[in-house]
Amino acid sequence: MSTKYALLVIFIISGFAYTQSTNPEDYASNEEIICKPQPININAGDVISADVLNEILTRINNLQTGGIDSEQDLVGTWSCTSTCRPGACNDGDTANGFTKNSVGLFTVSQKIEITSIKDGTQVRLSYPYNLGQSFFETGFQSCNAIVSNGKIFVSEPSGGETNECYNKGNYSIEMVANQCFRMGNINDSVTNCKRNNIPPAAPLNLKISISGSFASLTWQKGDDRHTGYTLKRKQSVDGTYETIASVSTDSYADNSISSGNTYWYRVFSINEYGEGTGSNVVTVSYLE
């Protein structure tokens, strides 16, 4: 490995020392990231409560506006795949980690670290490989960026940092799905990024039935990243959900219901990174 990639570059960000590894192996990703709009899992008979409707409207609004209020929405660690325009990446070009995928396009997958700088008015993107060409090696990239009006404005850092930014320019950017964004880059390349260390997906197909004096609930996992579930309930259309149980299984029997009342339920997946989006809503009226 060259000494160029063995460097540790020290950035001064908002008055704090920040140590950034420039070893590409620290940023490698085997997964080819594709940002797809999240499905809206609504089935016949589901209750469309105000909170679910607001989530749907927010998702639609994000598709219209790009879904990024400021560059600070991008702060974090992202697994990203850049797809290169034919001509900027070709057979025989082996620089910057690009390889041909199953459909004949050249891609590179890597982690991009996005940190807040300049008192939160900008962000810095740090990553090992150029996002848009494979005909010569450009080395570790360090770029400053501002997001405005559906565009990301990428510039060279100032202040004497040793890494260059070959990906300067103004590009489109949008939040395609929850925790997944897409942006353009040099040579008409496109980069899809999924945030690392995120809460799990919403549970699916929450169902409810009355069994004796119990409200029996069952559901299916949304993905394999969950470590448990939180059950929430409210007792009026405009009420506030309150947590009634935390469980590790995909079922629960609520024995705290009382005759003459109606209940609304949602279940949320959780892991060490927080609580994900809620499931569909179910409601039941208990009459002895």
C-alpha atoms as a PDB file:
ATOM      1  CA  MET A   1       0.000   0.000   0.000  1.00  0.00           C
ATOM      2  CA  SER A   2       1.387   3.409  -0.935  1.00  0.00           C
ATOM      3  CA  THR A   3       2.284   5.915   1.740  1.00  0.00           C
ATOM      4  CA  LYS A   4      -0.278   8.216   0.158  1.00  0.00           C
ATOM      5  CA  TYR A   5      -3.058   5.939   1.381  1.00  0.00           C
ATOM      6  CA  ALA A   6      -1.405   5.254   4.725  1.00  0.00           C
ATOM      7  CA  LEU A   7      -1.635   8.880   5.714  1.00  0.00           C
ATOM      8  CA  LEU A   8      -3.718  10.128   8.570  1.00  0.00           C
ATOM      9  CA  VAL A   9      -5.014  13.535   7.690  1.00  0.00           C
ATOM     10  CA  ILE A  10      -5.874  15.865  10.531  1.00  0.00           C
ATOM     11  CA  PHE A  11      -8.710  18.270   9.802  1.00  0.00           C
ATOM     12  CA  ILE A  12      -9.651  21.110  12.124  1.00  0.00           C
ATOM     13  CA  ILE A  13     -13.440  21.227  12.106  1.00  0.00           C
ATOM     14  CA  SER A  14     -15.295  23.843  14.120  1.00  0.00           C
ATOM     15  CA  GLY A  15     -12.442  24.084  16.588  1.00  0.00           C
ATOM     16  CA  PHE A  16     -12.041  20.308  17.127  1.00  0.00           C
ATOM     17  CA  ALA A  17      -9.299  17.983  15.890  1.00  0.00           C
ATOM     18  CA  TYR A  18     -10.754  15.362  13.525  1.00  0.00           C
ATOM     19  CA  THR A  19      -8.675  12.319  12.513  1.00  0.00           C
ATOM     20  CA  GLN A  20      -9.614  10.839   9.112  1.00  0.00           C
ATOM     21  CA  SER A  21      -8.220   7.527   7.844  1.00  0.00           C
ATOM     22  CA  THR A  22      -7.269   7.602   4.164  1.00  0.00           C
ATOM     23  CA  ASN A  23      -6.965   3.834   3.791  1.00  0.00           C
ATOM     24  CA  PRO A  24      -9.498   2.786   1.086  1.00  0.00           C
ATOM     25  CA  GLU A  25     -10.004  -0.560   2.829  1.00  0.00           C
ATOM     26  CA  ASP A  26     -11.566   1.336   5.750  1.00  0.00           C
ATOM     27  CA  TYR A  27     -14.219   2.618   3.355  1.00  0.00           C
ATOM     28  CA  ALA A  28     -14.797  -0.459   1.195  1.00  0.00           C
ATOM     29  CA  SER A  29     -18.336  -1.664   0.580  1.00  0.00           C
ATOM     30  CA  ASN A  30     -19.355  -4.873  -1.182  1.00  0.00           C
ATOM     31  CA  GLU A  31     -22.994  -3.842  -1.516  1.00  0.00           C
ATOM     32  CA  GLU A  32     -24.088  -1.970  -4.615  1.00  0.00           C
ATOM     33  CA  ILE A  33     -26.400   0.722  -3.262  1.00  0.00           C
ATOM     34  CA  ILE A  34     -29.578   1.571  -5.176  1.00  0.00           C
ATOM     35  CA  CYS A  35     -32.026   4.093  -3.722  1.00  0.00           C
ATOM     36  CA  LYS A  36     -35.572   2.963  -4.407  1.00  0.00           C
ATOM     37  CA  PRO A  37     -38.683   4.794  -3.166  1.00  0.00           C
ATOM     38  CA  GLN A  38     -40.082   3.051  -0.108  1.00  0.00           C
ATOM     39  CA  PRO A  39     -43.311   1.164  -0.682  1.00  0.00           C
ATOM     40  CA  ILE A  40     -46.375   2.477   1.108  1.00  0.00           C
ATOM     41  CA  ASN A  41     -47.688  -0.666   2.762  1.00  0.00           C
ATOM     42  CA  ILE A  42     -51.418  -0.049   2.941  1.00  0.00           C
ATOM     43  CA  ASN A  43     -53.786  -2.968   2.569  1.00  0.00           C
ATOM     44  CA  ALA A  44     -57.549  -3.223   2.257  1.00  0.00           C
ATOM     45  CA  GLY A  45     -59.121  -2.655   5.663  1.00  0.00           C
ATOM     46  CA  ASP A  46     -56.162  -0.762   7.153  1.00  0.00           C
ATOM     47  CA  VAL A  47     -56.906   2.250   9.322  1.00  0.00           C
ATOM     48  CA  ILE A  48     -55.501   5.437   7.776  1.00  0.00           C
ATOM     49  CA  SER A  49     -54.989   7.519  10.908  1.00  0.00           C
ATOM     50  CA  ALA A  50     -53.674  11.074  10.920  1.00  0.00           C
ATOM     51  CA  ASP A  51     -50.125  10.011  11.804  1.00  0.00           C
ATOM     52  CA  VAL A  52     -49.977   7.516   8.931  1.00  0.00           C
ATOM     53  CA  LEU A  53     -51.453  10.069   6.521  1.00  0.00           C
ATOM     54  CA  ASN A  54     -48.874  12.655   7.610  1.00  0.00           C
ATOM     55  CA  GLU A  55     -46.062  10.164   6.965  1.00  0.00           C
ATOM     56  CA  ILE A  56     -47.433   9.494   3.471  1.00  0.00           C
ATOM     57  CA  LEU A  57     -47.805  13.204   2.722  1.00  0.00           C
ATOM     58  CA  THR A  58     -44.270  13.862   3.985  1.00  0.00           C
ATOM     59  CA  ARG A  59     -42.952  11.163   1.662  1.00  0.00           C
ATOM     60  CA  ILE A  60     -44.830  12.644  -1.299  1.00  0.00           C
ATOM     61  CA  ASN A  61     -43.578  16.116  -0.389  1.00  0.00           C
ATOM     62  CA  ASN A  62     -40.002  14.824  -0.252  1.00  0.00           C
ATOM     63  CA  LEU A  63     -40.326  13.535  -3.800  1.00  0.00           C
ATOM     64  CA  GLN A  64     -41.450  17.014  -4.886  1.00  0.00           C
ATOM     65  CA  THR A  65     -38.881  19.051  -2.942  1.00  0.00           C
ATOM     66  CA  GLY A  66     -35.889  16.717  -2.724  1.00  0.00           C
ATOM     67  CA  GLY A  67     -36.553  16.039   0.959  1.00  0.00           C
ATOM     68  CA  ILE A  68     -33.359  17.726   2.210  1.00  0.00           C
ATOM     69  CA  ASP A  69     -33.962  20.807   4.346  1.00  0.00           C
ATOM     70  CA  SER A  70     -30.257  21.577   4.719  1.00  0.00           C
ATOM     71  CA  GLU A  71     -26.869  19.997   4.242  1.00  0.00           C
ATOM     72  CA  GLN A  72     -26.951  19.069   7.939  1.00  0.00           C
ATOM     73  CA  ASP A  73     -29.515  16.366   7.043  1.00  0.00           C
ATOM     74  CA  LEU A  74     -26.584  14.589   5.350  1.00  0.00           C
ATOM     75  CA  VAL A  75     -24.247  14.436   8.358  1.00  0.00           C
ATOM     76  CA  GLY A  76     -23.252  10.845   9.131  1.00  0.00           C
ATOM     77  CA  THR A  77     -21.665   7.769   7.560  1.00  0.00           C
ATOM     78  CA  TRP A  78     -23.100   6.575   4.245  1.00  0.00           C
ATOM     79  CA  SER A  79     -22.565   3.474   2.098  1.00  0.00           C
ATOM     80  CA  CYS A  80     -22.538   4.753  -1.485  1.00  0.00           C
ATOM     81  CA  THR A  81     -22.308   3.446  -5.032  1.00  0.00           C
ATOM     82  CA  SER A  82     -21.289   5.706  -7.902  1.00  0.00           C
ATOM     83  CA  THR A  83     -22.243   4.723 -11.454  1.00  0.00           C
ATOM     84  CA  CYS A  84     -19.996   6.116 -14.159  1.00  0.00           C
ATOM     85  CA  ARG A  85     -21.066   7.431 -17.565  1.00  0.00           C
ATOM     86  CA  PRO A  86     -19.754   5.297 -20.464  1.00  0.00           C
ATOM     87  CA  GLY A  87     -16.767   7.147 -21.835  1.00  0.00           C
ATOM     88  CA  ALA A  88     -15.644   8.400 -18.451  1.00  0.00           C
ATOM     89  CA  CYS A  89     -15.177   4.752 -17.405  1.00  0.00           C
ATOM     90  CA  ASN A  90     -14.309   2.060 -19.959  1.00  0.00           C
ATOM     91  CA  ASP A  91     -12.692  -1.362 -20.292  1.00  0.00           C
ATOM     92  CA  GLY A  92      -9.012  -1.047 -19.502  1.00  0.00           C
ATOM     93  CA  ASP A  93      -9.561   1.876 -17.127  1.00  0.00           C
ATOM     94  CA  THR A  94      -8.796   0.581 -13.636  1.00  0.00           C
ATOM     95  CA  ALA A  95      -8.332   3.729 -11.541  1.00  0.00           C
ATOM     96  CA  ASN A  96     -10.410   4.838  -8.553  1.00  0.00           C
ATOM     97  CA  GLY A  97     -11.809   1.400  -7.727  1.00  0.00           C
ATOM     98  CA  PHE A  98     -14.318   1.203 -10.606  1.00  0.00           C
ATOM     99  CA  THR A  99     -15.288  -2.254 -11.896  1.00  0.00           C
ATOM    100  CA  LYS A 100     -17.884  -3.402 -14.437  1.00  0.00           C
ATOM    101  CA  ASN A 101     -21.092  -4.710 -12.893  1.00  0.00           C
ATOM    102  CA  SER A 102     -23.526  -7.366 -14.157  1.00  0.00           C
ATOM    103  CA  VAL A 103     -25.235  -5.010 -16.613  1.00  0.00           C
ATOM    104  CA  GLY A 104     -22.013  -3.636 -18.060  1.00  0.00           C
ATOM    105  CA  LEU A 105     -21.835  -0.327 -16.186  1.00  0.00           C
ATOM    106  CA  PHE A 106     -18.807   0.745 -14.169  1.00  0.00           C
ATOM    107  CA  THR A 107     -19.421   1.303 -10.466  1.00  0.00           C
ATOM    108  CA  VAL A 108     -17.480   1.878  -7.273  1.00  0.00           C
ATOM    109  CA  SER A 109     -18.893   1.286  -3.783  1.00  0.00           C
ATOM    110  CA  GLN A 110     -17.411   3.033  -0.763  1.00  0.00           C
ATOM    111  CA  LYS A 111     -18.221   4.783   2.488  1.00  0.00           C
ATOM    112  CA  ILE A 112     -18.595   8.564   2.489  1.00  0.00           C
ATOM    113  CA  GLU A 113     -18.150  10.405   5.789  1.00  0.00           C
ATOM    114  CA  ILE A 114     -20.106  13.678   5.942  1.00  0.00           C
ATOM    115  CA  THR A 115     -19.241  15.987   8.829  1.00  0.00           C
ATOM    116  CA  SER A 116     -20.524  19.395   9.856  1.00  0.00           C
ATOM    117  CA  ILE A 117     -18.070  22.304   9.452  1.00  0.00           C
ATOM    118  CA  LYS A 118     -18.009  26.101   9.553  1.00  0.00           C
ATOM    119  CA  ASP A 119     -20.364  26.307  12.549  1.00  0.00           C
ATOM    120  CA  GLY A 120     -22.936  24.127  10.839  1.00  0.00           C
ATOM    121  CA  THR A 121     -23.211  26.227   7.670  1.00  0.00           C
ATOM    122  CA  GLN A 122     -21.439  23.652   5.470  1.00  0.00           C
ATOM    123  CA  VAL A 123     -20.524  19.984   5.400  1.00  0.00           C
ATOM    124  CA  ARG A 124     -17.371  18.130   4.391  1.00  0.00           C
ATOM    125  CA  LEU A 125     -17.468  14.946   2.294  1.00  0.00           C
ATOM    126  CA  SER A 126     -14.506  12.583   2.799  1.00  0.00           C
ATOM    127  CA  TYR A 127     -14.052   9.417   0.705  1.00  0.00           C
ATOM    128  CA  PRO A 128     -11.234   7.451  -0.959  1.00  0.00           C
ATOM    129  CA  TYR A 129     -12.322   7.306  -4.625  1.00  0.00           C
ATOM    130  CA  ASN A 130     -13.298   9.812  -7.286  1.00  0.00           C
ATOM    131  CA  LEU A 131     -17.041   9.615  -7.977  1.00  0.00           C
ATOM    132  CA  GLY A 132     -17.024   9.999 -11.751  1.00  0.00           C
ATOM    133  CA  GLN A 133     -14.017   8.704 -13.717  1.00  0.00           C
ATOM    134  CA  SER A 134     -11.606   5.767 -13.889  1.00  0.00           C
ATOM    135  CA  PHE A 135      -8.957   6.855 -16.396  1.00  0.00           C
ATOM    136  CA  PHE A 136      -6.478   8.215 -13.820  1.00  0.00           C
ATOM    137  CA  GLU A 137      -6.064   7.844 -10.066  1.00  0.00           C
ATOM    138  CA  THR A 138      -7.052  10.908  -8.060  1.00  0.00           C
ATOM    139  CA  GLY A 139      -6.660   9.595  -4.534  1.00  0.00           C
ATOM    140  CA  PHE A 140      -8.545  10.433  -1.361  1.00  0.00           C
ATOM    141  CA  GLN A 141     -11.141  13.183  -1.767  1.00  0.00           C
ATOM    142  CA  SER A 142     -12.060  15.950   0.670  1.00  0.00           C
ATOM    143  CA  CYS A 143     -14.784  18.334  -0.500  1.00  0.00           C
ATOM    144  CA  ASN A 144     -16.847  21.071   1.121  1.00  0.00           C
ATOM    145  CA  ALA A 145     -20.527  21.338   0.220  1.00  0.00           C
ATOM    146  CA  ILE A 146     -23.651  23.453   0.620  1.00  0.00           C
ATOM    147  CA  VAL A 147     -27.174  22.240  -0.235  1.00  0.00           C
ATOM    148  CA  SER A 148     -29.722  24.689  -1.621  1.00  0.00           C
ATOM    149  CA  ASN A 149     -32.808  24.417  -3.839  1.00  0.00           C
ATOM    150  CA  GLY A 150     -32.330  20.772  -4.732  1.00  0.00           C
ATOM    151  CA  LYS A 151     -28.641  21.238  -5.604  1.00  0.00           C
ATOM    152  CA  ILE A 152     -25.415  20.356  -3.834  1.00  0.00           C
ATOM    153  CA  PHE A 153     -22.648  22.897  -4.419  1.00  0.00           C
ATOM    154  CA  VAL A 154     -19.273  21.158  -4.031  1.00  0.00           C
ATOM    155  CA  SER A 155     -16.033  23.097  -3.628  1.00  0.00           C
ATOM    156  CA  GLU A 156     -12.381  22.674  -2.739  1.00  0.00           C
ATOM    157  CA  PRO A 157     -11.632  22.925   1.017  1.00  0.00           C
ATOM    158  CA  SER A 158      -9.616  25.908   2.111  1.00  0.00           C
ATOM    159  CA  GLY A 159      -7.070  26.004   4.891  1.00  0.00           C
ATOM    160  CA  GLY A 160      -4.234  23.855   3.594  1.00  0.00           C
ATOM    161  CA  GLU A 161      -5.699  20.327   3.714  1.00  0.00           C
ATOM    162  CA  THR A 162      -3.535  17.848   1.812  1.00  0.00           C
ATOM    163  CA  ASN A 163      -6.351  16.102  -0.073  1.00  0.00           C
ATOM    164  CA  GLU A 164      -7.818  17.532  -3.241  1.00  0.00           C
ATOM    165  CA  CYS A 165     -11.418  17.648  -4.424  1.00  0.00           C
ATOM    166  CA  TYR A 166     -11.758  16.519  -8.040  1.00  0.00           C
ATOM    167  CA  ASN A 167     -15.544  16.375  -7.796  1.00  0.00           C
ATOM    168  CA  LYS A 168     -16.227  20.125  -7.662  1.00  0.00           C
ATOM    169  CA  GLY A 169     -19.369  21.497  -9.254  1.00  0.00           C
ATOM    170  CA  ASN A 170     -23.113  21.959  -8.815  1.00  0.00           C
ATOM    171  CA  TYR A 171     -25.227  18.798  -8.937  1.00  0.00           C
ATOM    172  CA  SER A 172     -28.790  17.651  -8.320  1.00  0.00           C
ATOM    173  CA  ILE A 173     -29.498  15.936  -4.991  1.00  0.00           C
ATOM    174  CA  GLU A 174     -32.665  14.378  -3.554  1.00  0.00           C
ATOM    175  CA  MET A 175     -33.772  12.140  -0.713  1.00  0.00           C
ATOM    176  CA  VAL A 176     -35.270   9.184  -2.609  1.00  0.00           C
ATOM    177  CA  ALA A 177     -36.280   7.111   0.419  1.00  0.00           C
ATOM    178  CA  ASN A 178     -35.967   7.261   4.169  1.00  0.00           C
ATOM    179  CA  GLN A 179     -32.201   7.479   4.878  1.00  0.00           C
ATOM    180  CA  CYS A 180     -31.248   7.130   1.177  1.00  0.00           C
ATOM    181  CA  PHE A 181     -30.248   9.966  -1.165  1.00  0.00           C
ATOM    182  CA  ARG A 182     -29.136  10.307  -4.777  1.00  0.00           C
ATOM    183  CA  MET A 183     -26.866  12.986  -6.200  1.00  0.00           C
ATOM    184  CA  GLY A 184     -25.230  13.717  -9.512  1.00  0.00           C
ATOM    185  CA  ASN A 185     -21.535  14.335  -9.948  1.00  0.00           C
ATOM    186  CA  ILE A 186     -18.822  14.953 -12.531  1.00  0.00           C
ATOM    187  CA  ASN A 187     -19.113  13.450 -16.028  1.00  0.00           C
ATOM    188  CA  ASP A 188     -22.865  12.898 -15.529  1.00  0.00           C
ATOM    189  CA  SER A 189     -22.184  10.185 -12.949  1.00  0.00           C
ATOM    190  CA  VAL A 190     -24.795   9.373 -10.305  1.00  0.00           C
ATOM    191  CA  THR A 191     -24.197   8.347  -6.687  1.00  0.00           C
ATOM    192  CA  ASN A 192     -26.722   6.533  -4.468  1.00  0.00           C
ATOM    193  CA  CYS A 193     -26.057   6.663  -0.702  1.00  0.00           C
ATOM    194  CA  LYS A 194     -27.709   4.781   2.153  1.00  0.00           C
ATOM    195  CA  ARG A 195     -27.093   5.917   5.720  1.00  0.00           C
ATOM    196  CA  ASN A 196     -25.261   3.427   7.953  1.00  0.00           C
ATOM    197  CA  ASN A 197     -26.368   2.624  11.493  1.00  0.00           C
ATOM    198  CA  ILE A 198     -30.066   3.385  11.055  1.00  0.00           C
ATOM    199  CA  PRO A 199     -33.195   2.152  12.850  1.00  0.00           C
ATOM    200  CA  PRO A 200     -34.929  -0.896  11.347  1.00  0.00           C
ATOM    201  CA  ALA A 201     -37.723  -0.882   8.785  1.00  0.00           C
ATOM    202  CA  ALA A 202     -41.369  -0.709   9.810  1.00  0.00           C
ATOM    203  CA  PRO A 203     -43.079  -3.970  10.803  1.00  0.00           C
ATOM    204  CA  LEU A 204     -45.552  -5.336   8.260  1.00  0.00           C
ATOM    205  CA  ASN A 205     -49.121  -6.620   8.324  1.00  0.00           C
ATOM    206  CA  LEU A 206     -50.107  -5.764  11.884  1.00  0.00           C
ATOM    207  CA  LYS A 207     -53.352  -7.630  12.645  1.00  0.00           C
ATOM    208  CA  ILE A 208     -55.640  -7.692  15.674  1.00  0.00           C
ATOM    209  CA  SER A 209     -58.398  -9.883  17.052  1.00  0.00           C
ATOM    210  CA  ILE A 210     -60.300 -10.166  20.329  1.00  0.00           C
ATOM    211  CA  SER A 211     -59.667 -13.367  22.231  1.00  0.00           C
ATOM    212  CA  GLY A 212     -61.633 -13.430  25.481  1.00  0.00           C
ATOM    213  CA  SER A 213     -60.648 -10.288  27.319  1.00  0.00           C
ATOM    214  CA  PHE A 214     -57.404  -9.904  25.357  1.00  0.00           C
ATOM    215  CA  ALA A 215     -56.569  -7.917  22.236  1.00  0.00           C
ATOM    216  CA  SER A 216     -54.256 -10.288  20.346  1.00  0.00           C
ATOM    217  CA  LEU A 217     -51.799  -8.636  17.951  1.00  0.00           C
ATOM    218  CA  THR A 218     -49.510 -10.242  15.374  1.00  0.00           C
ATOM    219  CA  TRP A 219     -47.157  -8.751  12.755  1.00  0.00           C
ATOM    220  CA  GLN A 220     -44.178  -9.520  10.523  1.00  0.00           C
ATOM    221  CA  LYS A 221     -40.671  -8.095  10.691  1.00  0.00           C
ATOM    222  CA  GLY A 222     -39.752  -5.340   8.248  1.00  0.00           C
ATOM    223  CA  ASP A 223     -36.108  -6.438   7.980  1.00  0.00           C
ATOM    224  CA  ASP A 224     -33.423  -8.279   9.945  1.00  0.00           C
ATOM    225  CA  ARG A 225     -31.933  -5.209  11.649  1.00  0.00           C
ATOM    226  CA  HIS A 226     -34.418  -5.123  14.517  1.00  0.00           C
ATOM    227  CA  THR A 227     -33.612  -6.226  18.071  1.00  0.00           C
ATOM    228  CA  GLY A 228     -37.141  -5.829  19.417  1.00  0.00           C
ATOM    229  CA  TYR A 229     -40.467  -4.048  19.117  1.00  0.00           C
ATOM    230  CA  THR A 230     -42.352  -1.302  20.912  1.00  0.00           C
ATOM    231  CA  LEU A 231     -46.159  -1.549  21.091  1.00  0.00           C
ATOM    232  CA  LYS A 232     -48.110   1.722  21.225  1.00  0.00           C
ATOM    233  CA  ARG A 233     -51.794   2.372  21.796  1.00  0.00           C
ATOM    234  CA  LYS A 234     -54.234   5.263  21.902  1.00  0.00           C
ATOM    235  CA  GLN A 235     -57.917   5.441  22.822  1.00  0.00           C
ATOM    236  CA  SER A 236     -59.255   8.157  20.498  1.00  0.00           C
ATOM    237  CA  VAL A 237     -58.761   9.238  16.894  1.00  0.00           C
ATOM    238  CA  ASP A 238     -56.935  12.409  17.910  1.00  0.00           C
ATOM    239  CA  GLY A 239     -55.269  10.911  20.973  1.00  0.00           C
ATOM    240  CA  THR A 240     -51.566  10.433  21.595  1.00  0.00           C
ATOM    241  CA  TYR A 241     -49.947   7.024  21.284  1.00  0.00           C
ATOM    242  CA  GLU A 242     -48.470   5.672  24.511  1.00  0.00           C
ATOM    243  CA  THR A 243     -46.094   2.748  24.866  1.00  0.00           C
ATOM    244  CA  ILE A 244     -47.767  -0.280  26.458  1.00  0.00           C
ATOM    245  CA  ALA A 245     -45.082  -2.947  25.974  1.00  0.00           C
ATOM    246  CA  SER A 246     -41.610  -3.765  24.659  1.00  0.00           C
ATOM    247  CA  VAL A 247     -41.211  -7.271  23.273  1.00  0.00           C
ATOM    248  CA  SER A 248     -38.766  -9.372  21.257  1.00  0.00           C
ATOM    249  CA  THR A 249     -41.391 -11.593  19.592  1.00  0.00           C
ATOM    250  CA  ASP A 250     -43.773 -10.803  16.708  1.00  0.00           C
ATOM    251  CA  SER A 251     -46.972 -11.053  18.766  1.00  0.00           C
ATOM    252  CA  TYR A 252     -48.506  -9.563  21.881  1.00  0.00           C
ATOM    253  CA  ALA A 253     -51.689 -10.018  23.937  1.00  0.00           C
ATOM    254  CA  ASP A 254     -52.982  -6.813  25.514  1.00  0.00           C
ATOM    255  CA  ASN A 255     -54.901  -7.724  28.667  1.00  0.00           C
ATOM    256  CA  SER A 256     -55.431  -4.119  29.802  1.00  0.00           C
ATOM    257  CA  ILE A 257     -58.441  -3.369  27.600  1.00  0.00           C
ATOM    258  CA  SER A 258     -61.847  -2.657  29.160  1.00  0.00           C
ATOM    259  CA  SER A 259     -65.395  -3.052  27.911  1.00  0.00           C
ATOM    260  CA  GLY A 260     -66.999  -0.210  25.985  1.00  0.00           C
ATOM    261  CA  ASN A 261     -63.722   1.251  24.714  1.00  0.00           C
ATOM    262  CA  THR A 262     -62.101   1.474  21.277  1.00  0.00           C
ATOM    263  CA  TYR A 263     -58.326   1.123  20.839  1.00  0.00           C
ATOM    264  CA  TRP A 264     -55.846   2.016  18.096  1.00  0.00           C
ATOM    265  CA  TYR A 265     -52.517   0.154  17.892  1.00  0.00           C
ATOM    266  CA  ARG A 266     -49.170   0.521  16.093  1.00  0.00           C
ATOM    267  CA  VAL A 267     -45.950  -1.435  16.462  1.00  0.00           C
ATOM    268  CA  PHE A 268     -42.446  -0.039  15.944  1.00  0.00           C
ATOM    269  CA  SER A 269     -39.178  -1.916  15.342  1.00  0.00           C
ATOM    270  CA  ILE A 270     -36.185  -0.852  17.422  1.00  0.00           C
ATOM    271  CA  ASN A 271     -32.429  -1.485  17.505  1.00  0.00           C
ATOM    272  CA  GLU A 272     -29.375   0.198  19.019  1.00  0.00           C
ATOM    273  CA  TYR A 273     -29.785   3.135  16.608  1.00  0.00           C
ATOM    274  CA  GLY A 274     -33.329   3.987  17.598  1.00  0.00           C
ATOM    275  CA  GLU A 275     -36.951   3.445  16.705  1.00  0.00           C
ATOM    276  CA  GLY A 276     -38.026   3.014  13.100  1.00  0.00           C
ATOM    277  CA  THR A 277     -41.207   4.053  11.312  1.00  0.00           C
ATOM    278  CA  GLY A 278     -44.414   2.572  12.639  1.00  0.00           C
ATOM    279  CA  SER A 279     -46.447  -0.243  11.135  1.00  0.00           C
ATOM    280  CA  ASN A 280     -49.952   0.052   9.755  1.00  0.00           C
ATOM    281  CA  VAL A 281     -52.608   1.002  12.312  1.00  0.00           C
ATOM    282  CA  VAL A 282     -55.269  -1.408  13.538  1.00  0.00           C
ATOM    283  CA  THR A 283     -58.280  -0.616  15.721  1.00  0.00           C
ATOM    284  CA  VAL A 284     -60.678  -2.689  17.755  1.00  0.00           C
ATOM    285  CA  SER A 285     -63.743  -2.033  19.933  1.00  0.00           C
ATOM    286  CA  TYR A 286     -64.107  -4.265  22.978  1.00  0.00           C
ATOM    287  CA  LEU A 287     -67.655  -5.152  24.008  1.00  0.00           C
ATOM    288  CA  GLU A 288     -68.130  -7.921  26.543  1.00  0.00           C
END
